[in-house]
Structures are given as structure tokens and as C-alpha cells.
Amino acid sequence: MAHLPTDDGVKLYYEETGSGTPVVFVHEFAGDYRSYEPQIRYFSRRYRCVAFNARGFPPSDVPEDFERYSQDRARDDIRAVLDALRIAKAHIVGISMGGFATLHFGFAYPDRALSLVVAGCGYGAAPGARQQFHDETARTAGQIAEKGMAEVAKSYGAGPTRVQLETKDPRGYAEFMAQLKEHSTVGSANTMRGVQARRPSLWDLVDRMKTLDVPTLVATGDEDDPCLEPGLLMKRHIKSAALVVLPNTGHALNLEEPDLFNRLCDDFFHQVESGRWPRRHPKAVPGAILGM
């Protein structure tokens, strides 16, 4: 098994396939490096693809102290992957928890990113939902610690934004659930407490969004309600961002619609690499309703 070091001594498991321009995939809370198999199979034909497991997700190390998990640490662990593999710049693709980490990576290390794909990003970000989100993350972390991840996965993986995958692809959903049940109880509880519960609201990051100039593709499913308004927020304030909404799609958009997701990312990468990715024209900023 291949592992790489971080600056605080945690070892991260990674897999690398293909050659060419690097693409680094950052997984969601309910996934791991295996969640990107449909993307790795597609993009490794032309790109150097790297998928890694976050801390707390074996075969990566699982620190016992939740204080060693945070949004900043998740951000810096992406940098650790680039540094260890001697990658100067890469396309960074993140979904959900990985989307938050990808966005923060763009804020902190814009010179290391060719582009950012921020997908399914926004859970608990809305100002009016912050207390509810804090209550739910605390309750979920407690349940994981008490009952174990294999048991909690049964309900966590069956929420209102997961049923779409189950309906479209029962075999793929069964694989997703089997992998989720394998996740570390300690690592999952600590990730929920250290990363999810403590990350800032996207609404508190608007000023940082306004200064972000890395080409950015924001993607969400139209049935992933917690991510729809955050997607619009990022589109409105990141001048280098485009927003794509996948129809009849929930949270696991790369698994639900792998072909569409791959084509969207592929076209995005090509535009970035050819220097054709636009910034929002000043005249496109909304003012009057009719533009008169």
C-alpha cells in the first residue's frame, strides 16, 4: 500500500493511475478514494489521476484525538498530497466534504491549483440552518461513537439526497453502502466532530470568494436541496466560477450520473488548459431586472 506523509505526522493512503496533467480527487464524508472509480477509469486515459483517503479513513491513519481533524487540516492535506508526489499544480476535484476542502484549498493555495471542481458543497452552510447543522453533527457523531459506523451507515446512507442513487443504480448504491459500512468508527466520529461541525459557513466566506481567481466549476444536483443555494452563492461571488445543475440528481452526483459528470469535468479541464475559461464580464453582474 502506498502512503504519503503530512506535516503533522499522519500518513495518507493514495492511489495513482495514468500520466499527463495531474488531477487530484478529494472524497466526501460518506465516501473514500473508491468513490471516484468512475472518474479514475475515465480520466486516467489522458491524465495523471490521484485519489487519496482523508485522515480518519483507513488505510490512511486514524488519529484518536478529534482536535487533529479540522477544515484547515483537510485543506492542508491536499497540499501534502501535491508536495509528496512532487506535483506543482493540479486540477482539484472535491465532492461534499471534499468540495469544502477544495474551495478552502483554492483560497489558501491558488498557485497550486490549475482549476477547482467544487461539487455537492453546502451542507449546513446556510445562515438559518447553522444551529440545526451543529445539533445534527453532534448527534450523528455521538451515534457513530456509540453504535459503530457499520450500524449508523444504514441510516446515514439512506437520507433524502441518497435515494436518487438507490433508484437509478441499485447495484451502485449497494456498493456505496457496503463501502460506507467499512469506514472507521473512530475516524468517522472524529471527522464529524473536527471537520464537519467546525467548518465556517459559506456565507462567512463571501469576501474570500470575491478574491478567488482560479477557474472553478461549481456542480450540484437539483434534488440536493442543502447545496442549491450555496451553489448560487458561489456562482454569484467567484468571478471565475460557472454553475452546473444536474437534473433529477441528489448528493452523490459523480456516482449517480458518472458519464455526465465526467463530460462536464472533461470539457472544463480542456477549456482551462487551452486558456479559454472566462471570468464573469462586469456587465453580467445583475442590476436592473431588464438590464435597462
C-alpha atoms as a PDB file:
ATOM      1  CA  MET A   1       0.000   0.000   0.000  1.00  0.00           C
ATOM      2  CA  ALA A   2       1.198   3.479  -0.862  1.00  0.00           C
ATOM      3  CA  HIS A   3       1.176   6.148   1.848  1.00  0.00           C
ATOM      4  CA  LEU A   4       2.451   9.711   1.964  1.00  0.00           C
ATOM      5  CA  PRO A   5       3.300  11.936   4.949  1.00  0.00           C
ATOM      6  CA  THR A   6       1.638  15.111   6.172  1.00  0.00           C
ATOM      7  CA  ASP A   7       3.380  17.818   8.140  1.00  0.00           C
ATOM      8  CA  ASP A   8       1.836  16.640  11.427  1.00  0.00           C
ATOM      9  CA  GLY A   9       2.945  13.045  11.000  1.00  0.00           C
ATOM     10  CA  VAL A  10      -0.303  11.494   9.758  1.00  0.00           C
ATOM     11  CA  LYS A  11       0.119   9.134   6.802  1.00  0.00           C
ATOM     12  CA  LEU A  12      -2.427   9.260   3.997  1.00  0.00           C
ATOM     13  CA  TYR A  13      -3.195   6.363   1.697  1.00  0.00           C
ATOM     14  CA  TYR A  14      -3.303   7.168  -2.016  1.00  0.00           C
ATOM     15  CA  GLU A  15      -3.562   5.523  -5.405  1.00  0.00           C
ATOM     16  CA  GLU A  16      -2.142   6.934  -8.625  1.00  0.00           C
ATOM     17  CA  THR A  17      -3.086   5.940 -12.167  1.00  0.00           C
ATOM     18  CA  GLY A  18      -2.280   7.299 -15.622  1.00  0.00           C
ATOM     19  CA  SER A  19       0.019  10.038 -16.838  1.00  0.00           C
ATOM     20  CA  GLY A  20      -0.250  13.614 -18.016  1.00  0.00           C
ATOM     21  CA  THR A  21      -1.679  16.686 -16.319  1.00  0.00           C
ATOM     22  CA  PRO A  22      -2.463  15.817 -12.669  1.00  0.00           C
ATOM     23  CA  VAL A  23      -5.998  15.564 -11.304  1.00  0.00           C
ATOM     24  CA  VAL A  24      -6.429  15.082  -7.548  1.00  0.00           C
ATOM     25  CA  PHE A  25      -9.741  13.719  -6.254  1.00  0.00           C
ATOM     26  CA  VAL A  26     -10.970  14.603  -2.738  1.00  0.00           C
ATOM     27  CA  HIS A  27     -13.790  12.436  -1.375  1.00  0.00           C
ATOM     28  CA  GLU A  28     -16.932  13.104   0.641  1.00  0.00           C
ATOM     29  CA  PHE A  29     -17.668  12.045   4.225  1.00  0.00           C
ATOM     30  CA  ALA A  30     -19.721   9.030   3.118  1.00  0.00           C
ATOM     31  CA  GLY A  31     -17.144   8.003   0.528  1.00  0.00           C
ATOM     32  CA  ASP A  32     -13.456   7.329   0.159  1.00  0.00           C
ATOM     33  CA  TYR A  33     -10.933   7.012  -2.665  1.00  0.00           C
ATOM     34  CA  ARG A  34     -13.038   4.189  -4.155  1.00  0.00           C
ATOM     35  CA  SER A  35     -15.930   6.614  -4.729  1.00  0.00           C
ATOM     36  CA  TYR A  36     -14.048   8.078  -7.681  1.00  0.00           C
ATOM     37  CA  GLU A  37     -13.625   4.823  -9.589  1.00  0.00           C
ATOM     38  CA  PRO A  38     -15.897   6.002 -12.466  1.00  0.00           C
ATOM     39  CA  GLN A  39     -13.748   9.130 -12.778  1.00  0.00           C
ATOM     40  CA  ILE A  40     -10.384   7.371 -12.430  1.00  0.00           C
ATOM     41  CA  ARG A  41     -11.259   4.868 -15.174  1.00  0.00           C
ATOM     42  CA  TYR A  42     -12.246   7.729 -17.491  1.00  0.00           C
ATOM     43  CA  PHE A  43      -9.631  10.382 -16.798  1.00  0.00           C
ATOM     44  CA  SER A  44      -6.596   8.120 -16.323  1.00  0.00           C
ATOM     45  CA  ARG A  45      -6.600   7.557 -20.088  1.00  0.00           C
ATOM     46  CA  ARG A  46      -5.308  11.101 -20.536  1.00  0.00           C
ATOM     47  CA  TYR A  47      -4.476  12.435 -17.066  1.00  0.00           C
ATOM     48  CA  ARG A  48      -2.352  11.544 -14.049  1.00  0.00           C
ATOM     49  CA  CYS A  49      -5.090  10.714 -11.540  1.00  0.00           C
ATOM     50  CA  VAL A  50      -4.523  10.698  -7.787  1.00  0.00           C
ATOM     51  CA  ALA A  51      -7.186   9.672  -5.274  1.00  0.00           C
ATOM     52  CA  PHE A  52      -6.443   9.600  -1.556  1.00  0.00           C
ATOM     53  CA  ASN A  53      -8.209   8.867   1.690  1.00  0.00           C
ATOM     54  CA  ALA A  54      -8.620  11.668   4.193  1.00  0.00           C
ATOM     55  CA  ARG A  55      -7.227  11.182   7.690  1.00  0.00           C
ATOM     56  CA  GLY A  56      -9.607   9.015   9.662  1.00  0.00           C
ATOM     57  CA  PHE A  57     -10.419   6.866   6.630  1.00  0.00           C
ATOM     58  CA  PRO A  58      -8.332   3.655   6.555  1.00  0.00           C
ATOM     59  CA  PRO A  59      -5.947   2.697   5.084  1.00  0.00           C
ATOM     60  CA  SER A  60      -4.991   6.299   5.984  1.00  0.00           C
ATOM     61  CA  ASP A  61      -4.046   6.864   9.626  1.00  0.00           C
ATOM     62  CA  VAL A  62      -6.836   7.397  12.145  1.00  0.00           C
ATOM     63  CA  PRO A  63      -5.746   9.897  14.830  1.00  0.00           C
ATOM     64  CA  GLU A  64      -7.508   9.262  18.138  1.00  0.00           C
ATOM     65  CA  ASP A  65      -7.844  12.961  19.054  1.00  0.00           C
ATOM     66  CA  PHE A  66     -10.551  14.832  17.128  1.00  0.00           C
ATOM     67  CA  GLU A  67      -8.529  18.039  17.510  1.00  0.00           C
ATOM     68  CA  ARG A  68      -6.252  16.686  14.792  1.00  0.00           C
ATOM     69  CA  TYR A  69      -9.179  16.984  12.371  1.00  0.00           C
ATOM     70  CA  SER A  70     -10.279  20.360  11.015  1.00  0.00           C
ATOM     71  CA  GLN A  71     -11.235  22.204   7.863  1.00  0.00           C
ATOM     72  CA  ASP A  72      -7.773  23.756   7.693  1.00  0.00           C
ATOM     73  CA  ARG A  73      -6.173  20.350   8.136  1.00  0.00           C
ATOM     74  CA  ALA A  74      -8.337  18.887   5.352  1.00  0.00           C
ATOM     75  CA  ARG A  75      -7.215  21.767   3.152  1.00  0.00           C
ATOM     76  CA  ASP A  76      -3.549  21.280   4.000  1.00  0.00           C
ATOM     77  CA  ASP A  77      -3.737  17.535   3.491  1.00  0.00           C
ATOM     78  CA  ILE A  78      -4.461  18.232  -0.191  1.00  0.00           C
ATOM     79  CA  ARG A  79      -1.271  20.284  -0.289  1.00  0.00           C
ATOM     80  CA  ALA A  80       0.578  17.415   1.412  1.00  0.00           C
ATOM     81  CA  VAL A  81      -0.517  15.105  -1.414  1.00  0.00           C
ATOM     82  CA  LEU A  82       0.818  17.533  -4.035  1.00  0.00           C
ATOM     83  CA  ASP A  83       4.087  18.048  -2.164  1.00  0.00           C
ATOM     84  CA  ALA A  84       4.746  14.363  -1.560  1.00  0.00           C
ATOM     85  CA  LEU A  85       4.073  13.475  -5.198  1.00  0.00           C
ATOM     86  CA  ARG A  86       6.060  16.476  -6.473  1.00  0.00           C
ATOM     87  CA  ILE A  87       3.060  17.959  -8.244  1.00  0.00           C
ATOM     88  CA  ALA A  88       3.406  21.697  -8.766  1.00  0.00           C
ATOM     89  CA  LYS A  89      -0.198  22.296  -9.865  1.00  0.00           C
ATOM     90  CA  ALA A  90      -3.238  20.106 -10.430  1.00  0.00           C
ATOM     91  CA  HIS A  91      -6.917  20.133 -11.185  1.00  0.00           C
ATOM     92  CA  ILE A  92      -8.544  19.581  -7.767  1.00  0.00           C
ATOM     93  CA  VAL A  93     -11.910  17.787  -7.745  1.00  0.00           C
ATOM     94  CA  GLY A  94     -13.876  17.614  -4.500  1.00  0.00           C
ATOM     95  CA  ILE A  95     -17.370  16.458  -3.593  1.00  0.00           C
ATOM     96  CA  SER A  96     -19.283  17.468  -0.434  1.00  0.00           C
ATOM     97  CA  MET A  97     -16.728  17.395   2.421  1.00  0.00           C
ATOM     98  CA  GLY A  98     -14.109  17.202  -0.315  1.00  0.00           C
ATOM     99  CA  GLY A  99     -15.745  20.151  -2.059  1.00  0.00           C
ATOM    100  CA  PHE A 100     -15.363  22.292   1.049  1.00  0.00           C
ATOM    101  CA  ALA A 101     -11.708  21.244   1.305  1.00  0.00           C
ATOM    102  CA  THR A 102     -11.194  22.037  -2.380  1.00  0.00           C
ATOM    103  CA  LEU A 103     -12.707  25.502  -2.025  1.00  0.00           C
ATOM    104  CA  HIS A 104     -10.525  26.262   1.011  1.00  0.00           C
ATOM    105  CA  PHE A 105      -7.503  24.943  -0.874  1.00  0.00           C
ATOM    106  CA  GLY A 106      -8.251  27.453  -3.623  1.00  0.00           C
ATOM    107  CA  PHE A 107      -8.434  30.260  -1.072  1.00  0.00           C
ATOM    108  CA  ALA A 108      -5.129  29.336   0.587  1.00  0.00           C
ATOM    109  CA  TYR A 109      -3.047  27.952  -2.290  1.00  0.00           C
ATOM    110  CA  PRO A 110      -4.356  29.370  -5.578  1.00  0.00           C
ATOM    111  CA  ASP A 111      -0.916  28.993  -7.167  1.00  0.00           C
ATOM    112  CA  ARG A 112      -1.124  25.195  -6.693  1.00  0.00           C
ATOM    113  CA  ALA A 113      -4.471  24.759  -8.469  1.00  0.00           C
ATOM    114  CA  LEU A 114      -4.982  24.603 -12.218  1.00  0.00           C
ATOM    115  CA  SER A 115      -8.700  24.533 -11.509  1.00  0.00           C
ATOM    116  CA  LEU A 116     -11.243  23.663  -8.829  1.00  0.00           C
ATOM    117  CA  VAL A 117     -14.307  21.437  -9.132  1.00  0.00           C
ATOM    118  CA  VAL A 118     -16.499  22.165  -6.100  1.00  0.00           C
ATOM    119  CA  ALA A 119     -19.385  19.684  -6.212  1.00  0.00           C
ATOM    120  CA  GLY A 120     -22.180  18.924  -3.759  1.00  0.00           C
ATOM    121  CA  CYS A 121     -20.861  21.621  -1.452  1.00  0.00           C
ATOM    122  CA  GLY A 122     -23.080  23.390   1.049  1.00  0.00           C
ATOM    123  CA  TYR A 123     -24.433  21.148   3.811  1.00  0.00           C
ATOM    124  CA  GLY A 124     -25.094  23.241   6.908  1.00  0.00           C
ATOM    125  CA  ALA A 125     -23.783  26.394   5.239  1.00  0.00           C
ATOM    126  CA  ALA A 126     -26.990  28.448   5.138  1.00  0.00           C
ATOM    127  CA  PRO A 127     -27.131  31.016   7.972  1.00  0.00           C
ATOM    128  CA  GLY A 128     -30.593  29.887   9.038  1.00  0.00           C
ATOM    129  CA  ALA A 129     -29.510  26.246   9.231  1.00  0.00           C
ATOM    130  CA  ARG A 130     -26.355  26.611  11.311  1.00  0.00           C
ATOM    131  CA  GLN A 131     -27.808  25.615  14.675  1.00  0.00           C
ATOM    132  CA  GLN A 132     -29.678  22.690  13.152  1.00  0.00           C
ATOM    133  CA  PHE A 133     -26.475  21.564  11.453  1.00  0.00           C
ATOM    134  CA  HIS A 134     -24.481  21.796  14.691  1.00  0.00           C
ATOM    135  CA  ASP A 135     -27.158  19.817  16.523  1.00  0.00           C
ATOM    136  CA  GLU A 136     -27.249  17.139  13.821  1.00  0.00           C
ATOM    137  CA  THR A 137     -23.465  16.761  13.556  1.00  0.00           C
ATOM    138  CA  ALA A 138     -23.177  16.409  17.331  1.00  0.00           C
ATOM    139  CA  ARG A 139     -25.948  13.830  17.409  1.00  0.00           C
ATOM    140  CA  THR A 140     -24.513  11.906  14.448  1.00  0.00           C
ATOM    141  CA  ALA A 141     -21.002  11.854  15.915  1.00  0.00           C
ATOM    142  CA  GLY A 142     -22.425  10.560  19.183  1.00  0.00           C
ATOM    143  CA  GLN A 143     -24.377   7.829  17.438  1.00  0.00           C
ATOM    144  CA  ILE A 144     -21.332   6.737  15.445  1.00  0.00           C
ATOM    145  CA  ALA A 145     -19.214   6.539  18.604  1.00  0.00           C
ATOM    146  CA  GLU A 146     -21.924   4.618  20.457  1.00  0.00           C
ATOM    147  CA  LYS A 147     -23.264   2.256  17.802  1.00  0.00           C
ATOM    148  CA  GLY A 148     -20.379   1.997  15.342  1.00  0.00           C
ATOM    149  CA  MET A 149     -20.158   3.187  11.752  1.00  0.00           C
ATOM    150  CA  ALA A 150     -21.445  -0.090  10.312  1.00  0.00           C
ATOM    151  CA  GLU A 151     -24.757   0.449  12.109  1.00  0.00           C
ATOM    152  CA  VAL A 152     -25.086   4.207  11.578  1.00  0.00           C
ATOM    153  CA  ALA A 153     -24.314   3.791   7.878  1.00  0.00           C
ATOM    154  CA  LYS A 154     -27.727   2.153   7.448  1.00  0.00           C
ATOM    155  CA  SER A 155     -29.499   5.426   8.186  1.00  0.00           C
ATOM    156  CA  TYR A 156     -26.802   7.905   7.106  1.00  0.00           C
ATOM    157  CA  GLY A 157     -26.620   6.379   3.646  1.00  0.00           C
ATOM    158  CA  ALA A 158     -30.392   6.343   3.193  1.00  0.00           C
ATOM    159  CA  GLY A 159     -31.200  10.059   3.520  1.00  0.00           C
ATOM    160  CA  PRO A 160     -33.324  12.232   1.197  1.00  0.00           C
ATOM    161  CA  THR A 161     -30.374  13.063  -1.072  1.00  0.00           C
ATOM    162  CA  ARG A 162     -29.200   9.425  -1.358  1.00  0.00           C
ATOM    163  CA  VAL A 163     -32.426   7.817  -2.539  1.00  0.00           C
ATOM    164  CA  GLN A 164     -31.723   9.075  -6.056  1.00  0.00           C
ATOM    165  CA  LEU A 165     -28.667   6.836  -6.356  1.00  0.00           C
ATOM    166  CA  GLU A 166     -30.614   3.884  -4.984  1.00  0.00           C
ATOM    167  CA  THR A 167     -33.374   4.445  -7.544  1.00  0.00           C
ATOM    168  CA  LYS A 168     -31.100   4.956 -10.542  1.00  0.00           C
ATOM    169  CA  ASP A 169     -28.445   2.376  -9.797  1.00  0.00           C
ATOM    170  CA  PRO A 170     -29.368  -0.243  -7.160  1.00  0.00           C
ATOM    171  CA  ARG A 171     -26.135  -2.135  -7.750  1.00  0.00           C
ATOM    172  CA  GLY A 172     -24.044   1.013  -7.409  1.00  0.00           C
ATOM    173  CA  TYR A 173     -25.987   2.005  -4.289  1.00  0.00           C
ATOM    174  CA  ALA A 174     -25.351  -1.398  -2.723  1.00  0.00           C
ATOM    175  CA  GLU A 175     -21.633  -0.958  -3.368  1.00  0.00           C
ATOM    176  CA  PHE A 176     -21.728   2.558  -1.890  1.00  0.00           C
ATOM    177  CA  MET A 177     -23.438   1.273   1.253  1.00  0.00           C
ATOM    178  CA  ALA A 178     -21.054  -1.667   1.638  1.00  0.00           C
ATOM    179  CA  GLN A 179     -18.068   0.683   1.465  1.00  0.00           C
ATOM    180  CA  LEU A 180     -19.652   3.168   3.882  1.00  0.00           C
ATOM    181  CA  LYS A 181     -20.155   0.424   6.469  1.00  0.00           C
ATOM    182  CA  GLU A 182     -16.425  -0.348   6.319  1.00  0.00           C
ATOM    183  CA  HIS A 183     -15.413   3.133   7.475  1.00  0.00           C
ATOM    184  CA  SER A 184     -13.656   3.562  10.802  1.00  0.00           C
ATOM    185  CA  THR A 185     -15.923   4.322  13.751  1.00  0.00           C
ATOM    186  CA  VAL A 186     -13.263   6.450  15.460  1.00  0.00           C
ATOM    187  CA  GLY A 187     -12.252   8.192  12.246  1.00  0.00           C
ATOM    188  CA  SER A 188     -15.827   8.924  11.190  1.00  0.00           C
ATOM    189  CA  ALA A 189     -16.845  10.285  14.582  1.00  0.00           C
ATOM    190  CA  ASN A 190     -13.717  12.437  14.784  1.00  0.00           C
ATOM    191  CA  THR A 191     -14.212  13.731  11.236  1.00  0.00           C
ATOM    192  CA  MET A 192     -17.793  14.659  12.071  1.00  0.00           C
ATOM    193  CA  ARG A 193     -16.693  16.486  15.225  1.00  0.00           C
ATOM    194  CA  GLY A 194     -13.482  18.021  13.964  1.00  0.00           C
ATOM    195  CA  VAL A 195     -14.205  18.892  10.337  1.00  0.00           C
ATOM    196  CA  GLN A 196     -17.928  18.924   9.637  1.00  0.00           C
ATOM    197  CA  ALA A 197     -19.152  20.520  12.861  1.00  0.00           C
ATOM    198  CA  ARG A 198     -16.498  23.254  12.972  1.00  0.00           C
ATOM    199  CA  ARG A 199     -16.226  24.411   9.387  1.00  0.00           C
ATOM    200  CA  PRO A 200     -17.320  28.005   8.713  1.00  0.00           C
ATOM    201  CA  SER A 201     -20.476  28.888   6.859  1.00  0.00           C
ATOM    202  CA  LEU A 202     -20.000  29.663   3.184  1.00  0.00           C
ATOM    203  CA  TRP A 203     -21.853  32.913   3.826  1.00  0.00           C
ATOM    204  CA  ASP A 204     -18.972  33.939   6.082  1.00  0.00           C
ATOM    205  CA  LEU A 205     -16.535  33.378   3.203  1.00  0.00           C
ATOM    206  CA  VAL A 206     -18.055  35.724   0.632  1.00  0.00           C
ATOM    207  CA  ASP A 207     -15.177  38.214   0.848  1.00  0.00           C
ATOM    208  CA  ARG A 208     -12.700  35.400   0.141  1.00  0.00           C
ATOM    209  CA  MET A 209     -14.839  34.189  -2.752  1.00  0.00           C
ATOM    210  CA  LYS A 210     -14.657  37.631  -4.326  1.00  0.00           C
ATOM    211  CA  THR A 211     -10.859  37.432  -4.490  1.00  0.00           C
ATOM    212  CA  LEU A 212     -10.682  33.863  -5.845  1.00  0.00           C
ATOM    213  CA  ASP A 213      -9.498  33.833  -9.459  1.00  0.00           C
ATOM    214  CA  VAL A 214      -8.823  30.118 -10.014  1.00  0.00           C
ATOM    215  CA  PRO A 215     -11.066  28.596 -12.726  1.00  0.00           C
ATOM    216  CA  THR A 216     -13.895  26.988 -10.791  1.00  0.00           C
ATOM    217  CA  LEU A 217     -16.715  24.648 -11.730  1.00  0.00           C
ATOM    218  CA  VAL A 218     -19.493  24.505  -9.137  1.00  0.00           C
ATOM    219  CA  ALA A 219     -21.749  21.469  -9.546  1.00  0.00           C
ATOM    220  CA  THR A 220     -24.817  20.276  -7.683  1.00  0.00           C
ATOM    221  CA  GLY A 221     -27.796  18.007  -8.128  1.00  0.00           C
ATOM    222  CA  ASP A 222     -31.186  19.661  -8.410  1.00  0.00           C
ATOM    223  CA  GLU A 223     -32.560  17.359  -5.682  1.00  0.00           C
ATOM    224  CA  ASP A 224     -29.659  18.091  -3.332  1.00  0.00           C
ATOM    225  CA  ASP A 225     -31.575  20.851  -1.562  1.00  0.00           C
ATOM    226  CA  PRO A 226     -28.910  21.810   1.021  1.00  0.00           C
ATOM    227  CA  CYS A 227     -26.458  22.568  -1.798  1.00  0.00           C
ATOM    228  CA  LEU A 228     -28.632  24.550  -4.229  1.00  0.00           C
ATOM    229  CA  GLU A 229     -28.476  27.973  -2.574  1.00  0.00           C
ATOM    230  CA  PRO A 230     -24.774  27.567  -1.658  1.00  0.00           C
ATOM    231  CA  GLY A 231     -24.116  26.773  -5.322  1.00  0.00           C
ATOM    232  CA  LEU A 232     -25.771  30.020  -6.358  1.00  0.00           C
ATOM    233  CA  LEU A 233     -23.832  31.888  -3.677  1.00  0.00           C
ATOM    234  CA  MET A 234     -20.511  30.643  -5.042  1.00  0.00           C
ATOM    235  CA  LYS A 235     -21.513  31.416  -8.624  1.00  0.00           C
ATOM    236  CA  ARG A 236     -22.507  34.961  -7.709  1.00  0.00           C
ATOM    237  CA  HIS A 237     -19.296  35.798  -5.858  1.00  0.00           C
ATOM    238  CA  ILE A 238     -16.495  33.808  -7.529  1.00  0.00           C
ATOM    239  CA  LYS A 239     -15.810  35.677 -10.741  1.00  0.00           C
ATOM    240  CA  SER A 240     -14.086  32.658 -12.293  1.00  0.00           C
ATOM    241  CA  ALA A 241     -16.927  30.237 -11.494  1.00  0.00           C
ATOM    242  CA  ALA A 242     -19.560  28.505 -13.587  1.00  0.00           C
ATOM    243  CA  LEU A 243     -22.503  26.670 -12.066  1.00  0.00           C
ATOM    244  CA  VAL A 244     -23.939  23.444 -13.443  1.00  0.00           C
ATOM    245  CA  VAL A 245     -27.033  21.765 -12.001  1.00  0.00           C
ATOM    246  CA  LEU A 246     -27.549  18.090 -12.815  1.00  0.00           C
ATOM    247  CA  PRO A 247     -31.221  17.181 -13.344  1.00  0.00           C
ATOM    248  CA  ASN A 248     -33.046  14.684 -11.139  1.00  0.00           C
ATOM    249  CA  THR A 249     -29.860  14.181  -9.139  1.00  0.00           C
ATOM    250  CA  GLY A 250     -29.091  14.037  -5.424  1.00  0.00           C
ATOM    251  CA  HIS A 251     -25.853  14.322  -3.474  1.00  0.00           C
ATOM    252  CA  ALA A 252     -23.613  11.610  -4.928  1.00  0.00           C
ATOM    253  CA  LEU A 253     -23.672  13.230  -8.342  1.00  0.00           C
ATOM    254  CA  ASN A 254     -20.456  11.634  -9.628  1.00  0.00           C
ATOM    255  CA  LEU A 255     -21.888   8.175  -8.872  1.00  0.00           C
ATOM    256  CA  GLU A 256     -25.453   8.896  -9.952  1.00  0.00           C
ATOM    257  CA  GLU A 257     -24.502  10.456 -13.281  1.00  0.00           C
ATOM    258  CA  PRO A 258     -20.890   9.410 -13.927  1.00  0.00           C
ATOM    259  CA  ASP A 259     -20.975   9.953 -17.691  1.00  0.00           C
ATOM    260  CA  LEU A 260     -22.452  13.440 -17.404  1.00  0.00           C
ATOM    261  CA  PHE A 261     -20.172  14.392 -14.525  1.00  0.00           C
ATOM    262  CA  ASN A 262     -17.117  13.166 -16.445  1.00  0.00           C
ATOM    263  CA  ARG A 263     -18.069  15.045 -19.614  1.00  0.00           C
ATOM    264  CA  LEU A 264     -18.644  18.263 -17.681  1.00  0.00           C
ATOM    265  CA  CYS A 265     -15.268  18.000 -15.943  1.00  0.00           C
ATOM    266  CA  ASP A 266     -13.534  16.970 -19.166  1.00  0.00           C
ATOM    267  CA  ASP A 267     -14.828  19.992 -21.060  1.00  0.00           C
ATOM    268  CA  PHE A 268     -13.954  22.228 -18.127  1.00  0.00           C
ATOM    269  CA  PHE A 269     -10.375  20.906 -17.959  1.00  0.00           C
ATOM    270  CA  HIS A 270      -9.914  21.400 -21.703  1.00  0.00           C
ATOM    271  CA  GLN A 271     -11.129  24.995 -21.554  1.00  0.00           C
ATOM    272  CA  VAL A 272      -8.820  25.745 -18.640  1.00  0.00           C
ATOM    273  CA  GLU A 273      -5.803  24.110 -20.273  1.00  0.00           C
ATOM    274  CA  SER A 274      -6.380  25.967 -23.543  1.00  0.00           C
ATOM    275  CA  GLY A 275      -6.661  29.301 -21.738  1.00  0.00           C
ATOM    276  CA  ARG A 276     -10.279  29.698 -22.775  1.00  0.00           C
ATOM    277  CA  TRP A 277     -12.005  29.617 -19.380  1.00  0.00           C
ATOM    278  CA  PRO A 278     -13.700  33.014 -18.936  1.00  0.00           C
ATOM    279  CA  ARG A 279     -14.108  35.325 -15.983  1.00  0.00           C
ATOM    280  CA  ARG A 280     -17.503  36.874 -15.451  1.00  0.00           C
ATOM    281  CA  HIS A 281     -17.888  40.007 -17.530  1.00  0.00           C
ATOM    282  CA  PRO A 282     -18.543  43.129 -15.404  1.00  0.00           C
ATOM    283  CA  LYS A 283     -21.644  43.844 -17.487  1.00  0.00           C
ATOM    284  CA  ALA A 284     -23.067  40.447 -16.467  1.00  0.00           C
ATOM    285  CA  VAL A 285     -23.336  41.462 -12.827  1.00  0.00           C
ATOM    286  CA  PRO A 286     -27.089  41.856 -12.206  1.00  0.00           C
ATOM    287  CA  GLY A 287     -28.558  45.274 -11.627  1.00  0.00           C
ATOM    288  CA  ALA A 288     -31.878  46.217 -13.150  1.00  0.00           C
ATOM    289  CA  ILE A 289     -34.223  43.314 -13.860  1.00  0.00           C
ATOM    290  CA  LEU A 290     -34.453  44.077 -17.582  1.00  0.00           C
ATOM    291  CA  GLY A 291     -30.932  45.440 -17.873  1.00  0.00           C
ATOM    292  CA  MET A 292     -32.192  48.842 -18.982  1.00  0.00           C
END
